[in-house]
Amino acid sequence: MFNVRKTNVDAQFEEINQSYETLEVETLTPHIGAKVRGVDLAQPLTNEQARDVHQAWIDWKVLVFPDQHLNRDQHKAFARRWGKLHVHPMQPTMAVMKKYWL
């Protein structure tokens, strides 16, 4: 099981008592943002990984997944895990690919 790793800046602030079974989460600021490691977003998430990613998002609001290399289809598959994809309203069609947002 991985635990939240607090940075030195966070020492003076109340800590979120959250453990993640499948991820390593490092806070970026005391109140918002975390770096997530221990998951390969190019592969389908397990239910446990999806639960931990969702909980980290609830806890930290903004998540950074460094060193991920996803192609277009893998990116869309990851995004679909969180809900239906929508065509971007400002660019409904593009010659190369459509843009999506959640």
N, C-alpha and C. Protein backbone atom coordinates (compact mmCIF):
# COMPACT_ATOMS: atom_id res chain seq x y z
N MET A 1 0.85 -1.17 0.00
CA MET A 1 0.00 0.00 0.00
C MET A 1 0.89 1.24 0.00
N PHE A 2 0.53 2.20 -0.83
CA PHE A 2 1.27 3.46 -0.90
C PHE A 2 0.57 4.50 -0.03
N ASN A 3 1.35 5.37 0.56
CA ASN A 3 0.79 6.45 1.36
C ASN A 3 1.08 7.78 0.70
N VAL A 4 0.36 8.79 1.12
CA VAL A 4 0.60 10.14 0.63
C VAL A 4 1.93 10.61 1.19
N ARG A 5 2.78 11.11 0.31
CA ARG A 5 4.07 11.65 0.73
C ARG A 5 3.95 13.16 0.74
N LYS A 6 4.12 13.75 1.90
CA LYS A 6 4.00 15.20 2.04
C LYS A 6 5.34 15.86 1.80
N THR A 7 5.33 16.99 1.13
CA THR A 7 6.55 17.77 0.93
C THR A 7 6.80 18.63 2.15
N ASN A 8 7.99 19.21 2.26
CA ASN A 8 8.34 20.04 3.41
C ASN A 8 7.38 21.20 3.60
N VAL A 9 6.91 21.78 2.51
CA VAL A 9 5.98 22.91 2.59
C VAL A 9 4.71 22.51 3.32
N ASP A 10 4.33 21.26 3.22
CA ASP A 10 3.07 20.80 3.79
C ASP A 10 3.13 20.54 5.29
N ALA A 11 4.31 20.50 5.86
CA ALA A 11 4.44 20.10 7.26
C ALA A 11 3.62 20.96 8.20
N GLN A 12 3.43 22.22 7.89
CA GLN A 12 2.69 23.11 8.78
C GLN A 12 1.18 23.04 8.59
N PHE A 13 0.72 22.28 7.59
CA PHE A 13 -0.70 22.21 7.30
C PHE A 13 -1.28 20.87 7.70
N GLU A 14 -2.58 20.87 7.95
CA GLU A 14 -3.26 19.63 8.29
C GLU A 14 -3.18 18.65 7.12
N GLU A 15 -2.86 17.44 7.42
CA GLU A 15 -2.65 16.42 6.40
C GLU A 15 -3.96 15.68 6.11
N ILE A 16 -4.20 15.39 4.85
CA ILE A 16 -5.31 14.52 4.49
C ILE A 16 -4.90 13.10 4.83
N ASN A 17 -5.67 12.45 5.66
CA ASN A 17 -5.34 11.09 6.06
C ASN A 17 -5.91 10.11 5.06
N GLN A 18 -5.26 10.00 3.93
CA GLN A 18 -5.74 9.14 2.85
C GLN A 18 -4.61 8.24 2.40
N SER A 19 -4.89 6.97 2.35
CA SER A 19 -3.95 6.01 1.78
C SER A 19 -4.51 5.50 0.48
N TYR A 20 -3.64 5.22 -0.44
CA TYR A 20 -4.03 4.69 -1.74
C TYR A 20 -3.36 3.34 -1.91
N GLU A 21 -4.12 2.34 -2.24
CA GLU A 21 -3.59 0.99 -2.32
C GLU A 21 -2.73 0.76 -3.56
N THR A 22 -3.00 1.47 -4.65
CA THR A 22 -2.34 1.16 -5.92
C THR A 22 -1.50 2.30 -6.47
N LEU A 23 -1.43 3.43 -5.79
CA LEU A 23 -0.75 4.62 -6.30
C LEU A 23 0.18 5.21 -5.27
N GLU A 24 1.17 5.94 -5.75
CA GLU A 24 1.97 6.79 -4.89
C GLU A 24 1.57 8.23 -5.21
N VAL A 25 1.20 8.99 -4.19
CA VAL A 25 0.71 10.35 -4.37
C VAL A 25 1.59 11.31 -3.59
N GLU A 26 2.13 12.29 -4.28
CA GLU A 26 2.97 13.31 -3.66
C GLU A 26 2.29 14.66 -3.83
N THR A 27 2.02 15.34 -2.73
CA THR A 27 1.34 16.62 -2.82
C THR A 27 2.25 17.66 -3.46
N LEU A 28 1.65 18.58 -4.19
CA LEU A 28 2.39 19.66 -4.84
C LEU A 28 2.27 20.96 -4.07
N THR A 29 1.16 21.18 -3.42
CA THR A 29 0.94 22.34 -2.57
C THR A 29 0.14 21.86 -1.36
N PRO A 30 0.01 22.67 -0.33
CA PRO A 30 -0.72 22.22 0.85
C PRO A 30 -2.21 21.93 0.61
N HIS A 31 -2.81 22.56 -0.38
CA HIS A 31 -4.26 22.46 -0.50
C HIS A 31 -4.77 21.92 -1.82
N ILE A 32 -3.97 21.96 -2.86
CA ILE A 32 -4.46 21.53 -4.17
C ILE A 32 -3.29 20.98 -4.99
N GLY A 33 -3.53 19.92 -5.71
CA GLY A 33 -2.55 19.38 -6.64
C GLY A 33 -1.69 18.27 -6.05
N ALA A 34 -1.55 17.20 -6.82
CA ALA A 34 -0.70 16.08 -6.41
C ALA A 34 -0.12 15.41 -7.64
N LYS A 35 1.07 14.85 -7.46
CA LYS A 35 1.75 14.08 -8.50
C LYS A 35 1.46 12.61 -8.21
N VAL A 36 1.01 11.89 -9.25
CA VAL A 36 0.62 10.49 -9.09
C VAL A 36 1.60 9.61 -9.86
N ARG A 37 2.12 8.61 -9.18
CA ARG A 37 3.02 7.63 -9.80
C ARG A 37 2.50 6.23 -9.45
N GLY A 38 3.03 5.26 -10.17
CA GLY A 38 2.66 3.88 -9.88
C GLY A 38 1.52 3.35 -10.72
N VAL A 39 1.15 4.09 -11.76
CA VAL A 39 0.09 3.65 -12.66
C VAL A 39 0.51 3.97 -14.09
N ASP A 40 0.25 3.04 -15.00
CA ASP A 40 0.55 3.25 -16.41
C ASP A 40 -0.77 3.55 -17.11
N LEU A 41 -0.98 4.81 -17.46
CA LEU A 41 -2.25 5.22 -18.06
C LEU A 41 -2.42 4.70 -19.48
N ALA A 42 -1.38 4.15 -20.08
CA ALA A 42 -1.49 3.57 -21.41
C ALA A 42 -2.19 2.21 -21.37
N GLN A 43 -2.27 1.63 -20.17
CA GLN A 43 -2.94 0.35 -19.98
C GLN A 43 -4.30 0.58 -19.34
N PRO A 44 -5.26 -0.32 -19.58
CA PRO A 44 -6.56 -0.17 -18.91
C PRO A 44 -6.39 -0.22 -17.39
N LEU A 45 -7.08 0.67 -16.70
CA LEU A 45 -7.01 0.69 -15.24
C LEU A 45 -7.81 -0.47 -14.65
N THR A 46 -7.30 -1.03 -13.57
CA THR A 46 -8.10 -1.98 -12.81
C THR A 46 -9.15 -1.18 -12.03
N ASN A 47 -10.15 -1.86 -11.51
CA ASN A 47 -11.15 -1.16 -10.70
C ASN A 47 -10.51 -0.52 -9.47
N GLU A 48 -9.51 -1.19 -8.90
CA GLU A 48 -8.83 -0.65 -7.72
C GLU A 48 -8.03 0.60 -8.08
N GLN A 49 -7.34 0.58 -9.22
CA GLN A 49 -6.60 1.77 -9.65
C GLN A 49 -7.55 2.92 -9.94
N ALA A 50 -8.66 2.64 -10.61
CA ALA A 50 -9.63 3.69 -10.92
C ALA A 50 -10.19 4.29 -9.63
N ARG A 51 -10.46 3.44 -8.65
CA ARG A 51 -10.96 3.94 -7.36
C ARG A 51 -9.94 4.86 -6.71
N ASP A 52 -8.66 4.47 -6.73
CA ASP A 52 -7.62 5.29 -6.11
C ASP A 52 -7.40 6.60 -6.87
N VAL A 53 -7.40 6.55 -8.20
CA VAL A 53 -7.26 7.78 -8.99
C VAL A 53 -8.43 8.71 -8.70
N HIS A 54 -9.63 8.18 -8.66
CA HIS A 54 -10.81 9.01 -8.36
C HIS A 54 -10.70 9.62 -6.97
N GLN A 55 -10.29 8.83 -5.98
CA GLN A 55 -10.17 9.36 -4.62
C GLN A 55 -9.08 10.43 -4.54
N ALA A 56 -7.96 10.21 -5.23
CA ALA A 56 -6.89 11.22 -5.24
C ALA A 56 -7.39 12.51 -5.89
N TRP A 57 -8.18 12.38 -6.94
CA TRP A 57 -8.75 13.56 -7.60
C TRP A 57 -9.69 14.30 -6.64
N ILE A 58 -10.52 13.56 -5.91
CA ILE A 58 -11.41 14.18 -4.92
C ILE A 58 -10.57 14.89 -3.85
N ASP A 59 -9.52 14.23 -3.39
CA ASP A 59 -8.68 14.78 -2.31
C ASP A 59 -7.88 16.00 -2.75
N TRP A 60 -7.32 15.98 -3.98
CA TRP A 60 -6.35 16.99 -4.37
C TRP A 60 -6.78 17.88 -5.53
N LYS A 61 -7.89 17.59 -6.16
CA LYS A 61 -8.52 18.43 -7.21
C LYS A 61 -7.77 18.48 -8.54
N VAL A 62 -6.46 18.50 -8.53
CA VAL A 62 -5.64 18.52 -9.75
C VAL A 62 -4.60 17.42 -9.62
N LEU A 63 -4.53 16.55 -10.62
CA LEU A 63 -3.56 15.46 -10.59
C LEU A 63 -2.60 15.59 -11.77
N VAL A 64 -1.33 15.35 -11.51
CA VAL A 64 -0.30 15.33 -12.53
C VAL A 64 0.22 13.90 -12.61
N PHE A 65 0.26 13.37 -13.83
CA PHE A 65 0.76 12.01 -14.07
C PHE A 65 2.04 12.13 -14.90
N PRO A 66 3.21 12.27 -14.28
CA PRO A 66 4.44 12.48 -15.05
C PRO A 66 4.87 11.21 -15.79
N ASP A 67 5.62 11.43 -16.85
CA ASP A 67 6.26 10.35 -17.61
C ASP A 67 5.26 9.35 -18.20
N GLN A 68 4.12 9.83 -18.63
CA GLN A 68 3.13 8.98 -19.30
C GLN A 68 3.26 9.18 -20.80
N HIS A 69 3.17 8.11 -21.54
CA HIS A 69 3.27 8.16 -23.00
C HIS A 69 2.05 7.46 -23.58
N LEU A 70 1.03 8.25 -23.91
CA LEU A 70 -0.22 7.70 -24.41
C LEU A 70 -0.43 8.13 -25.85
N ASN A 71 -0.91 7.21 -26.65
CA ASN A 71 -1.35 7.61 -27.98
C ASN A 71 -2.80 8.10 -27.88
N ARG A 72 -3.35 8.55 -28.97
CA ARG A 72 -4.70 9.12 -28.97
C ARG A 72 -5.74 8.15 -28.43
N ASP A 73 -5.70 6.90 -28.88
CA ASP A 73 -6.69 5.93 -28.43
C ASP A 73 -6.55 5.60 -26.95
N GLN A 74 -5.33 5.51 -26.45
CA GLN A 74 -5.12 5.25 -25.03
C GLN A 74 -5.60 6.42 -24.19
N HIS A 75 -5.36 7.63 -24.67
CA HIS A 75 -5.82 8.83 -23.96
C HIS A 75 -7.35 8.84 -23.86
N LYS A 76 -8.00 8.53 -24.97
CA LYS A 76 -9.47 8.49 -24.98
C LYS A 76 -9.99 7.37 -24.09
N ALA A 77 -9.32 6.21 -24.09
CA ALA A 77 -9.76 5.10 -23.24
C ALA A 77 -9.67 5.48 -21.77
N PHE A 78 -8.58 6.16 -21.39
CA PHE A 78 -8.45 6.62 -20.00
C PHE A 78 -9.56 7.61 -19.66
N ALA A 79 -9.80 8.56 -20.54
CA ALA A 79 -10.82 9.58 -20.30
C ALA A 79 -12.21 8.96 -20.21
N ARG A 80 -12.48 7.95 -21.03
CA ARG A 80 -13.80 7.30 -21.01
C ARG A 80 -14.08 6.62 -19.67
N ARG A 81 -13.04 6.31 -18.94
CA ARG A 81 -13.23 5.68 -17.63
C ARG A 81 -14.03 6.60 -16.70
N TRP A 82 -13.98 7.90 -16.97
CA TRP A 82 -14.62 8.88 -16.09
C TRP A 82 -15.93 9.40 -16.64
N GLY A 83 -16.29 9.01 -17.83
CA GLY A 83 -17.57 9.45 -18.37
C GLY A 83 -17.54 9.57 -19.88
N LYS A 84 -18.67 9.96 -20.41
CA LYS A 84 -18.82 10.09 -21.86
C LYS A 84 -17.95 11.23 -22.37
N LEU A 85 -17.31 11.01 -23.51
CA LEU A 85 -16.51 12.06 -24.15
C LEU A 85 -17.42 12.92 -25.00
N HIS A 86 -17.06 14.17 -25.12
CA HIS A 86 -17.84 15.13 -25.90
C HIS A 86 -16.94 15.79 -26.93
N VAL A 87 -17.48 16.04 -28.09
CA VAL A 87 -16.73 16.76 -29.12
C VAL A 87 -16.56 18.20 -28.66
N HIS A 88 -15.36 18.73 -28.81
CA HIS A 88 -15.07 20.11 -28.40
C HIS A 88 -15.96 21.06 -29.19
N PRO A 89 -16.69 21.96 -28.52
CA PRO A 89 -17.66 22.81 -29.22
C PRO A 89 -17.03 23.84 -30.15
N MET A 90 -15.80 24.23 -29.91
CA MET A 90 -15.17 25.25 -30.76
C MET A 90 -14.53 24.65 -32.01
N GLN A 91 -14.26 23.36 -31.99
CA GLN A 91 -13.66 22.70 -33.15
C GLN A 91 -14.33 21.34 -33.35
N PRO A 92 -15.57 21.34 -33.82
CA PRO A 92 -16.29 20.07 -33.93
C PRO A 92 -15.69 19.09 -34.92
N THR A 93 -14.95 19.58 -35.90
CA THR A 93 -14.27 18.67 -36.82
C THR A 93 -12.86 19.16 -37.07
N MET A 94 -11.98 18.24 -37.24
CA MET A 94 -10.59 18.55 -37.57
C MET A 94 -10.13 17.52 -38.59
N ALA A 95 -9.21 17.90 -39.43
CA ALA A 95 -8.73 16.99 -40.47
C ALA A 95 -8.03 15.77 -39.88
N VAL A 96 -7.26 15.96 -38.81
CA VAL A 96 -6.45 14.87 -38.27
C VAL A 96 -7.18 14.13 -37.17
N MET A 97 -7.71 14.85 -36.18
CA MET A 97 -8.42 14.19 -35.09
C MET A 97 -9.39 15.17 -34.45
N LYS A 98 -10.39 14.62 -33.79
CA LYS A 98 -11.34 15.45 -33.06
C LYS A 98 -10.79 15.69 -31.66
N LYS A 99 -11.09 16.85 -31.11
CA LYS A 99 -10.69 17.16 -29.75
C LYS A 99 -11.85 16.81 -28.82
N TYR A 100 -11.51 16.26 -27.68
CA TYR A 100 -12.51 15.86 -26.71
C TYR A 100 -12.25 16.56 -25.39
N TRP A 101 -13.28 16.68 -24.61
CA TRP A 101 -13.16 17.20 -23.26
C TRP A 101 -14.12 16.43 -22.38
N LEU A 102 -13.87 16.44 -21.09
CA LEU A 102 -14.74 15.76 -20.12
C LEU A 102 -15.60 16.77 -19.42
